[in-house]
Amino acid sequence: MAEVYSSMSLAKEWGCSRSTVHTIVTSGRLPAFSIGVGFNHIRITKQAVLEYLEKYGNPIDTDPDRRDLADTIAKWGEPYEGNVYFAATDGYVKIGYARRSNLLARLWDIQSMNPHPVVLLAILSGTISDEKALHRRFCRLRVRGEWFHRRGELLEFIASIPRKGVPSVTREPTTVPGR
């Protein structure tokens, strides 16, 4: 454990996003000090981290939604160095990219910005270029940005991705009631 953390180094150690650390600091539950202007310049002492962990526990361990995401990633096996992921919510699929070190944090950010549960459907070893190629491949299903309609050839492609350490892909309904 470091003697003094930046928001990024603490987020990496906890397996969460910098915004999660920021939220905890601004709530007053985790004391921090500034070495400049802006959130990038805050520092958190080892003692403050230990006291926070003793009182509240690790944010990833205490949030049931976050534990579910971590468990889902674990079922897929050790994340690749670079990951193209497929995350679904309310009739849509997000095709995104994340490095191994921030896959959980990336998925948690998506969940925290979405009122509906986010389900990890698949992970592929890949690069940002691979992610963009998949965006082009499924462009007919694009809703906006990296979000696509959850149907047809996209679901067939996702279902064909083998899970590391998991015998079969759990398929969910391909349509949302009322659509």
Protein backbone atom coordinates (compact mmCIF):
# COMPACT_ATOMS: atom_id res chain seq x y z
CA MET A 1 0.00 0.00 0.00
CA ALA A 2 1.37 3.42 -1.00
CA GLU A 3 1.98 6.11 1.64
CA VAL A 4 0.06 8.72 -0.38
CA TYR A 5 -2.43 8.06 -3.19
CA SER A 6 -3.60 10.09 -6.14
CA SER A 7 -7.24 9.56 -7.09
CA MET A 8 -6.09 7.44 -10.04
CA SER A 9 -3.75 5.21 -8.02
CA LEU A 10 -6.41 4.61 -5.36
CA ALA A 11 -9.06 3.88 -8.00
CA LYS A 12 -6.72 1.34 -9.60
CA GLU A 13 -6.00 -0.36 -6.27
CA TRP A 14 -9.70 -0.51 -5.38
CA GLY A 15 -10.80 -1.55 -8.88
CA CYS A 16 -13.14 1.41 -9.27
CA SER A 17 -13.25 4.60 -11.30
CA ARG A 18 -11.69 7.93 -10.36
CA SER A 19 -15.19 9.36 -10.20
CA THR A 20 -16.04 6.83 -7.45
CA VAL A 21 -13.02 8.03 -5.45
CA HIS A 22 -14.05 11.64 -6.12
CA THR A 23 -17.60 10.96 -4.89
CA ILE A 24 -16.28 9.39 -1.69
CA VAL A 25 -13.86 12.30 -1.10
CA THR A 26 -16.49 14.98 -1.75
CA SER A 27 -18.94 13.19 0.55
CA GLY A 28 -16.47 13.79 3.38
CA ARG A 29 -16.04 10.08 4.14
CA LEU A 30 -12.46 10.00 2.83
CA PRO A 31 -10.25 12.96 3.82
CA ALA A 32 -7.91 14.29 1.12
CA PHE A 33 -5.62 17.23 0.60
CA SER A 34 -4.81 19.30 -2.48
CA ILE A 35 -1.42 19.85 -4.08
CA GLY A 36 -2.87 22.09 -6.80
CA VAL A 37 -6.10 23.02 -8.53
CA GLY A 38 -8.58 20.37 -9.64
CA PHE A 39 -9.37 16.78 -8.84
CA ASN A 40 -6.15 15.50 -10.46
CA HIS A 41 -4.22 17.25 -7.73
CA ILE A 42 -5.78 15.68 -4.66
CA ARG A 43 -3.86 13.25 -2.51
CA ILE A 44 -5.12 10.78 0.07
CA THR A 45 -2.93 9.46 2.86
CA LYS A 46 -2.48 5.77 3.60
CA GLN A 47 -3.89 6.38 7.08
CA ALA A 48 -7.06 7.97 5.64
CA VAL A 49 -7.50 5.00 3.29
CA LEU A 50 -7.05 2.49 6.12
CA GLU A 51 -9.56 4.32 8.29
CA TYR A 52 -12.06 4.50 5.42
CA LEU A 53 -11.68 0.77 4.69
CA GLU A 54 -12.14 -0.10 8.36
CA LYS A 55 -15.28 1.99 8.63
CA TYR A 56 -16.92 1.46 5.20
CA GLY A 57 -15.10 -1.38 3.42
CA ASN A 58 -13.94 -1.37 -0.19
CA PRO A 59 -16.54 0.30 -2.46
CA ILE A 60 -16.46 -2.67 -4.84
CA ASP A 61 -17.16 -5.13 -2.00
CA THR A 62 -20.01 -3.16 -0.43
CA ASP A 63 -22.07 -2.35 -3.54
CA PRO A 64 -24.13 -5.37 -4.65
CA ASP A 65 -24.41 -4.13 -8.26
CA ARG A 66 -20.66 -3.66 -8.44
CA ARG A 67 -20.06 -7.13 -6.94
CA ASP A 68 -22.37 -8.57 -9.60
CA LEU A 69 -20.31 -6.94 -12.36
CA ALA A 70 -17.06 -8.17 -10.78
CA ASP A 71 -18.50 -11.69 -10.48
CA THR A 72 -19.61 -11.63 -14.12
CA ILE A 73 -16.15 -10.58 -15.28
CA ALA A 74 -14.63 -13.34 -13.15
CA LYS A 75 -16.88 -15.92 -14.84
CA TRP A 76 -15.36 -14.90 -18.17
CA GLY A 77 -11.87 -15.57 -16.81
CA GLU A 78 -8.91 -13.21 -16.49
CA PRO A 79 -9.54 -10.14 -18.66
CA TYR A 80 -7.30 -9.75 -21.70
CA GLU A 81 -4.73 -6.96 -21.91
CA GLY A 82 -7.15 -5.20 -24.27
CA ASN A 83 -10.88 -6.04 -24.16
CA VAL A 84 -13.71 -5.44 -26.56
CA TYR A 85 -16.82 -5.92 -24.45
CA PHE A 86 -20.52 -6.24 -25.13
CA ALA A 87 -22.73 -4.85 -22.36
CA ALA A 88 -26.52 -4.88 -22.59
CA THR A 89 -29.28 -2.87 -21.01
CA ASP A 90 -32.96 -2.34 -21.80
CA GLY A 91 -32.91 -3.58 -25.41
CA TYR A 92 -29.53 -2.13 -26.36
CA VAL A 93 -25.93 -3.37 -26.54
CA LYS A 94 -22.85 -1.24 -26.02
CA ILE A 95 -19.76 -2.32 -27.91
CA GLY A 96 -16.82 -0.81 -26.06
CA TYR A 97 -13.12 -1.14 -25.39
CA ALA A 98 -11.27 -1.22 -22.08
CA ARG A 99 -7.79 -2.18 -20.93
CA ARG A 100 -7.53 -5.04 -18.44
CA SER A 101 -6.78 -2.65 -15.59
CA ASN A 102 -9.98 -0.67 -16.03
CA LEU A 103 -12.58 -3.09 -17.40
CA LEU A 104 -14.58 -3.25 -14.16
CA ALA A 105 -14.33 0.51 -13.64
CA ARG A 106 -15.51 1.11 -17.21
CA LEU A 107 -18.51 -1.19 -16.80
CA TRP A 108 -19.32 0.39 -13.46
CA ASP A 109 -19.27 3.85 -15.05
CA ILE A 110 -21.77 2.63 -17.65
CA GLN A 111 -23.96 1.16 -14.89
CA SER A 112 -23.80 4.29 -12.76
CA MET A 113 -25.04 6.40 -15.71
CA ASN A 114 -27.86 4.02 -16.58
CA PRO A 115 -31.12 3.53 -14.68
CA HIS A 116 -31.44 -0.07 -15.95
CA PRO A 117 -29.19 -2.98 -14.93
CA VAL A 118 -26.17 -3.49 -17.19
CA VAL A 119 -25.37 -7.09 -18.13
CA LEU A 120 -21.97 -8.12 -19.48
CA LEU A 121 -22.72 -10.38 -22.45
CA ALA A 122 -19.22 -11.11 -23.78
CA ILE A 123 -15.55 -10.15 -23.77
CA LEU A 124 -13.11 -10.50 -26.67
CA SER A 125 -9.39 -9.91 -26.76
CA GLY A 126 -8.99 -6.85 -28.93
CA THR A 127 -7.89 -3.32 -29.64
CA ILE A 128 -9.61 -0.01 -30.20
CA SER A 129 -9.34 -0.74 -33.94
CA ASP A 130 -11.21 -4.03 -33.40
CA GLU A 131 -13.92 -2.16 -31.50
CA LYS A 132 -14.28 0.34 -34.37
CA ALA A 133 -14.42 -2.51 -36.91
CA LEU A 134 -17.31 -4.04 -34.96
CA HIS A 135 -19.05 -0.66 -34.90
CA ARG A 136 -18.79 -0.57 -38.71
CA ARG A 137 -19.90 -4.22 -39.03
CA PHE A 138 -23.09 -3.59 -37.06
CA CYS A 139 -23.71 0.00 -38.24
CA ARG A 140 -27.25 -0.88 -39.43
CA LEU A 141 -28.16 -1.55 -35.79
CA ARG A 142 -26.52 1.60 -34.38
CA VAL A 143 -28.72 3.75 -32.16
CA ARG A 144 -26.16 6.36 -31.09
CA GLY A 145 -22.42 6.35 -30.46
CA GLU A 146 -21.40 2.90 -29.21
CA TRP A 147 -24.98 1.72 -28.54
CA PHE A 148 -26.73 -0.73 -30.87
CA HIS A 149 -30.15 -2.39 -31.02
CA ARG A 150 -30.03 -5.73 -29.20
CA ARG A 151 -31.19 -8.05 -31.97
CA GLY A 152 -30.45 -10.08 -35.06
CA GLU A 153 -26.92 -10.56 -36.30
CA LEU A 154 -25.39 -8.74 -33.32
CA LEU A 155 -26.94 -11.21 -30.86
CA GLU A 156 -25.88 -14.13 -33.07
CA PHE A 157 -22.31 -12.80 -33.10
CA ILE A 158 -22.29 -12.35 -29.31
CA ALA A 159 -23.71 -15.85 -28.78
CA SER A 160 -20.85 -17.28 -30.86
CA ILE A 161 -18.16 -15.83 -28.56
CA PRO A 162 -16.79 -18.60 -26.31
CA ARG A 163 -16.46 -17.90 -22.61
CA LYS A 164 -13.16 -18.72 -20.98
CA GLY A 165 -13.96 -21.17 -18.20
CA VAL A 166 -17.73 -21.08 -18.70
CA PRO A 167 -19.31 -23.87 -20.76
CA SER A 168 -22.09 -21.90 -22.47
CA VAL A 169 -23.35 -18.40 -23.09
CA THR A 170 -26.46 -17.50 -21.13
CA ARG A 171 -28.88 -16.10 -23.66
CA GLU A 172 -31.38 -13.50 -22.59
CA PRO A 173 -34.59 -12.46 -24.37
CA THR A 174 -33.77 -10.65 -27.63
CA THR A 175 -36.62 -8.17 -27.32
CA VAL A 176 -37.86 -5.92 -24.58
CA PRO A 177 -41.62 -6.10 -23.91
CA GLY A 178 -43.46 -3.26 -25.61
CA ARG A 179 -40.89 -2.71 -28.38
